[in-house]
mmCIF file of all heavy atoms, coordinates in Angstrom:
data_MODEL
# 
_entry.id   MODEL 
# 
loop_
_atom_site.group_PDB 
_atom_site.id 
_atom_site.type_symbol 
_atom_site.label_atom_id 
_atom_site.label_alt_id 
_atom_site.label_comp_id 
_atom_site.label_asym_id 
_atom_site.label_entity_id 
_atom_site.label_seq_id 
_atom_site.pdbx_PDB_ins_code 
_atom_site.Cartn_x 
_atom_site.Cartn_y 
_atom_site.Cartn_z 
_atom_site.occupancy 
_atom_site.B_iso_or_equiv 
_atom_site.pdbx_formal_charge 
_atom_site.auth_seq_id 
_atom_site.auth_comp_id 
_atom_site.auth_asym_id 
_atom_site.auth_atom_id 
_atom_site.pdbx_PDB_model_num 
ATOM 1   N N   . VAL A 1 1  ? 0.312  66.866 32.999 1.00 0.00 ? 1  VAL A N   1 
ATOM 2   C CA  . VAL A 1 1  ? 1.027  66.733 31.738 1.00 0.00 ? 1  VAL A CA  1 
ATOM 3   C C   . VAL A 1 1  ? 1.483  65.286 31.603 1.00 0.00 ? 1  VAL A C   1 
ATOM 4   O O   . VAL A 1 1  ? 1.928  64.682 32.579 1.00 0.00 ? 1  VAL A O   1 
ATOM 5   C CB  . VAL A 1 1  ? 2.245  67.686 31.682 1.00 0.00 ? 1  VAL A CB  1 
ATOM 6   C CG1 . VAL A 1 1  ? 3.079  67.455 30.430 1.00 0.00 ? 1  VAL A CG1 1 
ATOM 7   C CG2 . VAL A 1 1  ? 1.787  69.140 31.746 1.00 0.00 ? 1  VAL A CG2 1 
ATOM 8   N N   . VAL A 1 2  ? 1.377  64.732 30.381 1.00 0.00 ? 2  VAL A N   1 
ATOM 9   C CA  . VAL A 1 2  ? 1.831  63.383 30.085 1.00 0.00 ? 2  VAL A CA  1 
ATOM 10  C C   . VAL A 1 2  ? 3.053  63.471 29.176 1.00 0.00 ? 2  VAL A C   1 
ATOM 11  O O   . VAL A 1 2  ? 3.037  64.200 28.185 1.00 0.00 ? 2  VAL A O   1 
ATOM 12  C CB  . VAL A 1 2  ? 0.727  62.560 29.382 1.00 0.00 ? 2  VAL A CB  1 
ATOM 13  C CG1 . VAL A 1 2  ? 1.262  61.216 28.893 1.00 0.00 ? 2  VAL A CG1 1 
ATOM 14  C CG2 . VAL A 1 2  ? -0.464 62.373 30.306 1.00 0.00 ? 2  VAL A CG2 1 
ATOM 15  N N   . VAL A 1 3  ? 4.098  62.704 29.526 1.00 0.00 ? 3  VAL A N   1 
ATOM 16  C CA  . VAL A 1 3  ? 5.317  62.654 28.718 1.00 0.00 ? 3  VAL A CA  1 
ATOM 17  C C   . VAL A 1 3  ? 5.684  61.194 28.494 1.00 0.00 ? 3  VAL A C   1 
ATOM 18  O O   . VAL A 1 3  ? 5.720  60.412 29.445 1.00 0.00 ? 3  VAL A O   1 
ATOM 19  C CB  . VAL A 1 3  ? 6.497  63.363 29.421 1.00 0.00 ? 3  VAL A CB  1 
ATOM 20  C CG1 . VAL A 1 3  ? 7.759  63.295 28.563 1.00 0.00 ? 3  VAL A CG1 1 
ATOM 21  C CG2 . VAL A 1 3  ? 6.153  64.802 29.743 1.00 0.00 ? 3  VAL A CG2 1 
ATOM 22  N N   . THR A 1 4  ? 5.953  60.836 27.233 1.00 0.00 ? 4  THR A N   1 
ATOM 23  C CA  . THR A 1 4  ? 6.498  59.519 26.940 1.00 0.00 ? 4  THR A CA  1 
ATOM 24  C C   . THR A 1 4  ? 7.876  59.703 26.321 1.00 0.00 ? 4  THR A C   1 
ATOM 25  O O   . THR A 1 4  ? 8.088  60.626 25.531 1.00 0.00 ? 4  THR A O   1 
ATOM 26  C CB  . THR A 1 4  ? 5.603  58.702 25.983 1.00 0.00 ? 4  THR A CB  1 
ATOM 27  O OG1 . THR A 1 4  ? 5.663  59.262 24.673 1.00 0.00 ? 4  THR A OG1 1 
ATOM 28  C CG2 . THR A 1 4  ? 4.162  58.665 26.475 1.00 0.00 ? 4  THR A CG2 1 
ATOM 29  N N   . LEU A 1 5  ? 8.794  58.846 26.706 1.00 0.00 ? 5  LEU A N   1 
ATOM 30  C CA  . LEU A 1 5  ? 10.163 58.915 26.210 1.00 0.00 ? 5  LEU A CA  1 
ATOM 31  C C   . LEU A 1 5  ? 10.564 57.570 25.630 1.00 0.00 ? 5  LEU A C   1 
ATOM 32  O O   . LEU A 1 5  ? 10.228 56.528 26.202 1.00 0.00 ? 5  LEU A O   1 
ATOM 33  C CB  . LEU A 1 5  ? 11.128 59.283 27.341 1.00 0.00 ? 5  LEU A CB  1 
ATOM 34  C CG  . LEU A 1 5  ? 10.853 60.581 28.077 1.00 0.00 ? 5  LEU A CG  1 
ATOM 35  C CD1 . LEU A 1 5  ? 11.788 60.727 29.267 1.00 0.00 ? 5  LEU A CD1 1 
ATOM 36  C CD2 . LEU A 1 5  ? 11.007 61.760 27.120 1.00 0.00 ? 5  LEU A CD2 1 
ATOM 37  N N   . GLY A 1 6  ? 11.325 57.591 24.545 1.00 0.00 ? 6  GLY A N   1 
ATOM 38  C CA  . GLY A 1 6  ? 11.808 56.359 23.951 1.00 0.00 ? 6  GLY A CA  1 
ATOM 39  C C   . GLY A 1 6  ? 12.755 55.615 24.871 1.00 0.00 ? 6  GLY A C   1 
ATOM 40  O O   . GLY A 1 6  ? 12.823 54.393 24.860 1.00 0.00 ? 6  GLY A O   1 
ATOM 41  N N   . GLY A 1 7  ? 13.484 56.343 25.671 1.00 0.00 ? 7  GLY A N   1 
ATOM 42  C CA  . GLY A 1 7  ? 14.422 55.729 26.604 1.00 0.00 ? 7  GLY A CA  1 
ATOM 43  C C   . GLY A 1 7  ? 14.982 56.758 27.552 1.00 0.00 ? 7  GLY A C   1 
ATOM 44  O O   . GLY A 1 7  ? 14.872 57.963 27.334 1.00 0.00 ? 7  GLY A O   1 
ATOM 45  N N   . LEU A 1 8  ? 15.584 56.263 28.619 1.00 0.00 ? 8  LEU A N   1 
ATOM 46  C CA  . LEU A 1 8  ? 16.145 57.136 29.651 1.00 0.00 ? 8  LEU A CA  1 
ATOM 47  C C   . LEU A 1 8  ? 17.654 57.315 29.490 1.00 0.00 ? 8  LEU A C   1 
ATOM 48  O O   . LEU A 1 8  ? 18.274 58.047 30.257 1.00 0.00 ? 8  LEU A O   1 
ATOM 49  C CB  . LEU A 1 8  ? 15.836 56.561 31.034 1.00 0.00 ? 8  LEU A CB  1 
ATOM 50  C CG  . LEU A 1 8  ? 14.349 56.475 31.363 1.00 0.00 ? 8  LEU A CG  1 
ATOM 51  C CD1 . LEU A 1 8  ? 14.127 55.657 32.638 1.00 0.00 ? 8  LEU A CD1 1 
ATOM 52  C CD2 . LEU A 1 8  ? 13.771 57.873 31.523 1.00 0.00 ? 8  LEU A CD2 1 
ATOM 53  N N   . ASN A 1 9  ? 18.254 56.640 28.523 1.00 0.00 ? 9  ASN A N   1 
ATOM 54  C CA  . ASN A 1 9  ? 19.695 56.752 28.257 1.00 0.00 ? 9  ASN A CA  1 
ATOM 55  C C   . ASN A 1 9  ? 20.529 56.531 29.515 1.00 0.00 ? 9  ASN A C   1 
ATOM 56  O O   . ASN A 1 9  ? 21.495 57.239 29.757 1.00 0.00 ? 9  ASN A O   1 
ATOM 57  C CB  . ASN A 1 9  ? 20.036 58.094 27.616 1.00 0.00 ? 9  ASN A CB  1 
ATOM 58  C CG  . ASN A 1 9  ? 19.381 58.284 26.272 1.00 0.00 ? 9  ASN A CG  1 
ATOM 59  O OD1 . ASN A 1 9  ? 19.109 57.314 25.567 1.00 0.00 ? 9  ASN A OD1 1 
ATOM 60  N ND2 . ASN A 1 9  ? 19.081 59.516 25.919 1.00 0.00 ? 9  ASN A ND2 1 
ATOM 61  N N   . GLY A 1 10 ? 20.128 55.580 30.309 1.00 0.00 ? 10 GLY A N   1 
ATOM 62  C CA  . GLY A 1 10 ? 20.872 55.260 31.522 1.00 0.00 ? 10 GLY A CA  1 
ATOM 63  C C   . GLY A 1 10 ? 20.534 56.133 32.716 1.00 0.00 ? 10 GLY A C   1 
ATOM 64  O O   . GLY A 1 10 ? 21.022 55.904 33.816 1.00 0.00 ? 10 GLY A O   1 
ATOM 65  N N   . GLY A 1 11 ? 19.711 57.141 32.521 1.00 0.00 ? 11 GLY A N   1 
ATOM 66  C CA  . GLY A 1 11 ? 19.314 58.016 33.626 1.00 0.00 ? 11 GLY A CA  1 
ATOM 67  C C   . GLY A 1 11 ? 18.230 57.367 34.472 1.00 0.00 ? 11 GLY A C   1 
ATOM 68  O O   . GLY A 1 11 ? 17.629 56.367 34.081 1.00 0.00 ? 11 GLY A O   1 
ATOM 69  N N   . ARG A 1 12 ? 17.991 57.928 35.621 1.00 0.00 ? 12 ARG A N   1 
ATOM 70  C CA  . ARG A 1 12 ? 16.930 57.447 36.510 1.00 0.00 ? 12 ARG A CA  1 
ATOM 71  C C   . ARG A 1 12 ? 15.646 58.204 36.199 1.00 0.00 ? 12 ARG A C   1 
ATOM 72  O O   . ARG A 1 12 ? 15.671 59.422 36.052 1.00 0.00 ? 12 ARG A O   1 
ATOM 73  C CB  . ARG A 1 12 ? 17.331 57.639 37.969 1.00 0.00 ? 12 ARG A CB  1 
ATOM 74  C CG  . ARG A 1 12 ? 18.544 56.830 38.361 1.00 0.00 ? 12 ARG A CG  1 
ATOM 75  C CD  . ARG A 1 12 ? 19.043 57.051 39.779 1.00 0.00 ? 12 ARG A CD  1 
ATOM 76  N NE  . ARG A 1 12 ? 18.416 58.150 40.475 1.00 0.00 ? 12 ARG A NE  1 
ATOM 77  C CZ  . ARG A 1 12 ? 17.970 58.090 41.729 1.00 0.00 ? 12 ARG A CZ  1 
ATOM 78  N NH1 . ARG A 1 12 ? 18.098 56.985 42.424 1.00 0.00 ? 12 ARG A NH1 1 
ATOM 79  N NH2 . ARG A 1 12 ? 17.418 59.146 42.302 1.00 0.00 ? 12 ARG A NH2 1 
ATOM 80  N N   . ILE A 1 13 ? 14.528 57.492 36.130 1.00 0.00 ? 13 ILE A N   1 
ATOM 81  C CA  . ILE A 1 13 ? 13.258 58.114 35.768 1.00 0.00 ? 13 ILE A CA  1 
ATOM 82  C C   . ILE A 1 13 ? 12.865 59.198 36.759 1.00 0.00 ? 13 ILE A C   1 
ATOM 83  O O   . ILE A 1 13 ? 12.317 60.225 36.385 1.00 0.00 ? 13 ILE A O   1 
ATOM 84  C CB  . ILE A 1 13 ? 12.138 57.074 35.573 1.00 0.00 ? 13 ILE A CB  1 
ATOM 85  C CG1 . ILE A 1 13 ? 10.947 57.727 34.856 1.00 0.00 ? 13 ILE A CG1 1 
ATOM 86  C CG2 . ILE A 1 13 ? 11.766 56.411 36.901 1.00 0.00 ? 13 ILE A CG2 1 
ATOM 87  C CD1 . ILE A 1 13 ? 9.936  56.751 34.311 1.00 0.00 ? 13 ILE A CD1 1 
ATOM 88  N N   . GLU A 1 14 ? 13.181 58.999 38.045 1.00 0.00 ? 14 GLU A N   1 
ATOM 89  C CA  . GLU A 1 14 ? 12.835 60.020 39.033 1.00 0.00 ? 14 GLU A CA  1 
ATOM 90  C C   . GLU A 1 14 ? 13.618 61.311 38.799 1.00 0.00 ? 14 GLU A C   1 
ATOM 91  O O   . GLU A 1 14 ? 13.096 62.409 38.995 1.00 0.00 ? 14 GLU A O   1 
ATOM 92  C CB  . GLU A 1 14 ? 12.995 59.521 40.474 1.00 0.00 ? 14 GLU A CB  1 
ATOM 93  C CG  . GLU A 1 14 ? 14.323 58.912 40.789 1.00 0.00 ? 14 GLU A CG  1 
ATOM 94  C CD  . GLU A 1 14 ? 14.414 57.413 40.509 1.00 0.00 ? 14 GLU A CD  1 
ATOM 95  O OE1 . GLU A 1 14 ? 13.508 56.839 39.876 1.00 0.00 ? 14 GLU A OE1 1 
ATOM 96  O OE2 . GLU A 1 14 ? 15.421 56.823 40.915 1.00 0.00 ? 14 GLU A OE2 1 
ATOM 97  N N   . ASP A 1 15 ? 14.877 61.188 38.346 1.00 0.00 ? 15 ASP A N   1 
ATOM 98  C CA  . ASP A 1 15 ? 15.672 62.382 38.054 1.00 0.00 ? 15 ASP A CA  1 
ATOM 99  C C   . ASP A 1 15 ? 15.134 63.111 36.819 1.00 0.00 ? 15 ASP A C   1 
ATOM 100 O O   . ASP A 1 15 ? 15.054 64.340 36.797 1.00 0.00 ? 15 ASP A O   1 
ATOM 101 C CB  . ASP A 1 15 ? 17.142 62.014 37.849 1.00 0.00 ? 15 ASP A CB  1 
ATOM 102 C CG  . ASP A 1 15 ? 17.799 61.466 39.100 1.00 0.00 ? 15 ASP A CG  1 
ATOM 103 O OD1 . ASP A 1 15 ? 17.310 61.744 40.224 1.00 0.00 ? 15 ASP A OD1 1 
ATOM 104 O OD2 . ASP A 1 15 ? 18.811 60.739 38.961 1.00 0.00 ? 15 ASP A OD2 1 
ATOM 105 N N   . VAL A 1 16 ? 14.768 62.332 35.805 1.00 0.00 ? 16 VAL A N   1 
ATOM 106 C CA  . VAL A 1 16 ? 14.206 62.931 34.590 1.00 0.00 ? 16 VAL A CA  1 
ATOM 107 C C   . VAL A 1 16 ? 12.867 63.603 34.915 1.00 0.00 ? 16 VAL A C   1 
ATOM 108 O O   . VAL A 1 16 ? 12.621 64.738 34.515 1.00 0.00 ? 16 VAL A O   1 
ATOM 109 C CB  . VAL A 1 16 ? 14.039 61.873 33.475 1.00 0.00 ? 16 VAL A CB  1 
ATOM 110 C CG1 . VAL A 1 16 ? 13.287 62.453 32.284 1.00 0.00 ? 16 VAL A CG1 1 
ATOM 111 C CG2 . VAL A 1 16 ? 15.403 61.337 33.043 1.00 0.00 ? 16 VAL A CG2 1 
ATOM 112 N N   . GLY A 1 17 ? 12.019 62.922 35.671 1.00 0.00 ? 17 GLY A N   1 
ATOM 113 C CA  . GLY A 1 17 ? 10.717 63.487 36.048 1.00 0.00 ? 17 GLY A CA  1 
ATOM 114 C C   . GLY A 1 17 ? 10.853 64.764 36.842 1.00 0.00 ? 17 GLY A C   1 
ATOM 115 O O   . GLY A 1 17 ? 10.160 65.750 36.584 1.00 0.00 ? 17 GLY A O   1 
ATOM 116 N N   . ARG A 1 18 ? 11.747 64.753 37.797 1.00 0.00 ? 18 ARG A N   1 
ATOM 117 C CA  . ARG A 1 18 ? 11.953 65.950 38.629 1.00 0.00 ? 18 ARG A CA  1 
ATOM 118 C C   . ARG A 1 18 ? 12.486 67.102 37.773 1.00 0.00 ? 18 ARG A C   1 
ATOM 119 O O   . ARG A 1 18 ? 12.032 68.243 37.898 1.00 0.00 ? 18 ARG A O   1 
ATOM 120 C CB  . ARG A 1 18 ? 12.926 65.638 39.775 1.00 0.00 ? 18 ARG A CB  1 
ATOM 121 C CG  . ARG A 1 18 ? 12.927 66.698 40.843 1.00 0.00 ? 18 ARG A CG  1 
ATOM 122 C CD  . ARG A 1 18 ? 13.786 66.332 42.059 1.00 0.00 ? 18 ARG A CD  1 
ATOM 123 N NE  . ARG A 1 18 ? 13.567 64.973 42.535 1.00 0.00 ? 18 ARG A NE  1 
ATOM 124 C CZ  . ARG A 1 18 ? 14.469 63.975 42.402 1.00 0.00 ? 18 ARG A CZ  1 
ATOM 125 N NH1 . ARG A 1 18 ? 15.622 64.180 41.828 1.00 0.00 ? 18 ARG A NH1 1 
ATOM 126 N NH2 . ARG A 1 18 ? 14.201 62.772 42.868 1.00 0.00 ? 18 ARG A NH2 1 
ATOM 127 N N   . ALA A 1 19 ? 13.434 66.798 36.890 1.00 0.00 ? 19 ALA A N   1 
ATOM 128 C CA  . ALA A 1 19 ? 13.995 67.845 36.021 1.00 0.00 ? 19 ALA A CA  1 
ATOM 129 C C   . ALA A 1 19 ? 12.923 68.448 35.124 1.00 0.00 ? 19 ALA A C   1 
ATOM 130 O O   . ALA A 1 19 ? 12.860 69.671 34.955 1.00 0.00 ? 19 ALA A O   1 
ATOM 131 C CB  . ALA A 1 19 ? 15.145 67.279 35.176 1.00 0.00 ? 19 ALA A CB  1 
ATOM 132 N N   . LEU A 1 20 ? 12.063 67.603 34.563 1.00 0.00 ? 20 LEU A N   1 
ATOM 133 C CA  . LEU A 1 20 ? 10.995 68.113 33.694 1.00 0.00 ? 20 LEU A CA  1 
ATOM 134 C C   . LEU A 1 20 ? 9.985  68.933 34.475 1.00 0.00 ? 20 LEU A C   1 
ATOM 135 O O   . LEU A 1 20 ? 9.606  70.028 34.053 1.00 0.00 ? 20 LEU A O   1 
ATOM 136 C CB  . LEU A 1 20 ? 10.295 66.956 32.974 1.00 0.00 ? 20 LEU A CB  1 
ATOM 137 C CG  . LEU A 1 20 ? 11.135 66.195 31.955 1.00 0.00 ? 20 LEU A CG  1 
ATOM 138 C CD1 . LEU A 1 20 ? 10.358 65.011 31.405 1.00 0.00 ? 20 LEU A CD1 1 
ATOM 139 C CD2 . LEU A 1 20 ? 11.605 67.110 30.837 1.00 0.00 ? 20 LEU A CD2 1 
ATOM 140 N N   . GLY A 1 21 ? 9.540  68.424 35.609 1.00 0.00 ? 21 GLY A N   1 
ATOM 141 C CA  . GLY A 1 21 ? 8.561  69.155 36.421 1.00 0.00 ? 21 GLY A CA  1 
ATOM 142 C C   . GLY A 1 21 ? 9.092  70.497 36.869 1.00 0.00 ? 21 GLY A C   1 
ATOM 143 O O   . GLY A 1 21 ? 8.418  71.523 36.767 1.00 0.00 ? 21 GLY A O   1 
ATOM 144 N N   . ASP A 1 22 ? 10.329 70.503 37.362 1.00 0.00 ? 22 ASP A N   1 
ATOM 145 C CA  . ASP A 1 22 ? 10.938 71.752 37.825 1.00 0.00 ? 22 ASP A CA  1 
ATOM 146 C C   . ASP A 1 22 ? 11.240 72.693 36.655 1.00 0.00 ? 22 ASP A C   1 
ATOM 147 O O   . ASP A 1 22 ? 10.951 73.884 36.718 1.00 0.00 ? 22 ASP A O   1 
ATOM 148 C CB  . ASP A 1 22 ? 12.236 71.471 38.593 1.00 0.00 ? 22 ASP A CB  1 
ATOM 149 C CG  . ASP A 1 22 ? 12.002 70.830 39.941 1.00 0.00 ? 22 ASP A CG  1 
ATOM 150 O OD1 . ASP A 1 22 ? 10.875 70.897 40.459 1.00 0.00 ? 22 ASP A OD1 1 
ATOM 151 O OD2 . ASP A 1 22 ? 12.973 70.247 40.482 1.00 0.00 ? 22 ASP A OD2 1 
ATOM 152 N N   . GLY A 1 23 ? 11.806 72.135 35.592 1.00 0.00 ? 23 GLY A N   1 
ATOM 153 C CA  . GLY A 1 23 ? 12.203 72.958 34.450 1.00 0.00 ? 23 GLY A CA  1 
ATOM 154 C C   . GLY A 1 23 ? 11.032 73.564 33.711 1.00 0.00 ? 23 GLY A C   1 
ATOM 155 O O   . GLY A 1 23 ? 11.084 74.699 33.247 1.00 0.00 ? 23 GLY A O   1 
ATOM 156 N N   . TRP A 1 24 ? 9.958  72.795 33.571 1.00 0.00 ? 24 TRP A N   1 
ATOM 157 C CA  . TRP A 1 24 ? 8.775  73.281 32.872 1.00 0.00 ? 24 TRP A CA  1 
ATOM 158 C C   . TRP A 1 24 ? 7.860  74.083 33.776 1.00 0.00 ? 24 TRP A C   1 
ATOM 159 O O   . TRP A 1 24 ? 7.031  74.847 33.290 1.00 0.00 ? 24 TRP A O   1 
ATOM 160 C CB  . TRP A 1 24 ? 7.994  72.131 32.269 1.00 0.00 ? 24 TRP A CB  1 
ATOM 161 C CG  . TRP A 1 24 ? 8.647  71.475 31.096 1.00 0.00 ? 24 TRP A CG  1 
ATOM 162 C CD1 . TRP A 1 24 ? 9.653  71.980 30.309 1.00 0.00 ? 24 TRP A CD1 1 
ATOM 163 C CD2 . TRP A 1 24 ? 8.344  70.192 30.568 1.00 0.00 ? 24 TRP A CD2 1 
ATOM 164 N NE1 . TRP A 1 24 ? 9.985  71.088 29.332 1.00 0.00 ? 24 TRP A NE1 1 
ATOM 165 C CE2 . TRP A 1 24 ? 9.191  69.975 29.463 1.00 0.00 ? 24 TRP A CE2 1 
ATOM 166 C CE3 . TRP A 1 24 ? 7.436  69.207 30.921 1.00 0.00 ? 24 TRP A CE3 1 
ATOM 167 C CZ2 . TRP A 1 24 ? 9.144  68.810 28.710 1.00 0.00 ? 24 TRP A CZ2 1 
ATOM 168 C CZ3 . TRP A 1 24 ? 7.400  68.047 30.170 1.00 0.00 ? 24 TRP A CZ3 1 
ATOM 169 C CH2 . TRP A 1 24 ? 8.251  67.855 29.080 1.00 0.00 ? 24 TRP A CH2 1 
ATOM 170 N N   . GLY A 1 25 ? 7.977  73.908 35.067 1.00 0.00 ? 25 GLY A N   1 
ATOM 171 C CA  . GLY A 1 25 ? 7.110  74.629 36.004 1.00 0.00 ? 25 GLY A CA  1 
ATOM 172 C C   . GLY A 1 25 ? 5.666  74.206 35.896 1.00 0.00 ? 25 GLY A C   1 
ATOM 173 O O   . GLY A 1 25 ? 4.769  75.037 35.806 1.00 0.00 ? 25 GLY A O   1 
ATOM 174 N N   . ILE A 1 26 ? 5.401  72.899 35.932 1.00 0.00 ? 26 ILE A N   1 
ATOM 175 C CA  . ILE A 1 26 ? 4.040  72.391 35.820 1.00 0.00 ? 26 ILE A CA  1 
ATOM 176 C C   . ILE A 1 26 ? 3.246  72.787 37.074 1.00 0.00 ? 26 ILE A C   1 
ATOM 177 O O   . ILE A 1 26 ? 3.700  72.576 38.181 1.00 0.00 ? 26 ILE A O   1 
ATOM 178 C CB  . ILE A 1 26 ? 4.026  70.858 35.659 1.00 0.00 ? 26 ILE A CB  1 
ATOM 179 C CG1 . ILE A 1 26 ? 4.929  70.403 34.514 1.00 0.00 ? 26 ILE A CG1 1 
ATOM 180 C CG2 . ILE A 1 26 ? 2.598  70.344 35.482 1.00 0.00 ? 26 ILE A CG2 1 
ATOM 181 C CD1 . ILE A 1 26 ? 4.536  70.896 33.159 1.00 0.00 ? 26 ILE A CD1 1 
ATOM 182 N N   . GLY A 1 27 ? 2.052  73.334 36.905 1.00 0.00 ? 27 GLY A N   1 
ATOM 183 C CA  . GLY A 1 27 ? 1.222  73.771 38.025 1.00 0.00 ? 27 GLY A CA  1 
ATOM 184 C C   . GLY A 1 27 ? 1.483  75.236 38.345 1.00 0.00 ? 27 GLY A C   1 
ATOM 185 O O   . GLY A 1 27 ? 2.396  75.852 37.818 1.00 0.00 ? 27 GLY A O   1 
ATOM 186 N N   . ARG A 1 28 ? 0.645  75.784 39.202 1.00 0.00 ? 28 ARG A N   1 
ATOM 187 C CA  . ARG A 1 28 ? 0.830  77.175 39.631 1.00 0.00 ? 28 ARG A CA  1 
ATOM 188 C C   . ARG A 1 28 ? 1.950  77.231 40.653 1.00 0.00 ? 28 ARG A C   1 
ATOM 189 O O   . ARG A 1 28 ? 1.951  76.475 41.629 1.00 0.00 ? 28 ARG A O   1 
ATOM 190 C CB  . ARG A 1 28 ? -0.457 77.708 40.251 1.00 0.00 ? 28 ARG A CB  1 
ATOM 191 C CG  . ARG A 1 28 ? -1.481 78.107 39.238 1.00 0.00 ? 28 ARG A CG  1 
ATOM 192 C CD  . ARG A 1 28 ? -2.713 78.739 39.830 1.00 0.00 ? 28 ARG A CD  1 
ATOM 193 N NE  . ARG A 1 28 ? -2.526 79.351 41.123 1.00 0.00 ? 28 ARG A NE  1 
ATOM 194 C CZ  . ARG A 1 28 ? -3.487 79.469 42.033 1.00 0.00 ? 28 ARG A CZ  1 
ATOM 195 N NH1 . ARG A 1 28 ? -4.694 79.014 41.794 1.00 0.00 ? 28 ARG A NH1 1 
ATOM 196 N NH2 . ARG A 1 28 ? -3.252 80.053 43.174 1.00 0.00 ? 28 ARG A NH2 1 
ATOM 197 N N   . ALA A 1 29 ? 2.867  78.143 40.469 1.00 0.00 ? 29 ALA A N   1 
ATOM 198 C CA  . ALA A 1 29 ? 4.018  78.248 41.365 1.00 0.00 ? 29 ALA A CA  1 
ATOM 199 C C   . ALA A 1 29 ? 3.609  78.547 42.805 1.00 0.00 ? 29 ALA A C   1 
ATOM 200 O O   . ALA A 1 29 ? 4.225  78.044 43.737 1.00 0.00 ? 29 ALA A O   1 
ATOM 201 C CB  . ALA A 1 29 ? 4.977  79.325 40.858 1.00 0.00 ? 29 ALA A CB  1 
# 
């Protein structure tokens, strides 16, 4: 999955990436 964001609003990209991957459940569990 590809995601582009206008900005991280002061957040860390690794935290945002992990939250999206975990929250969306990308891949077979």
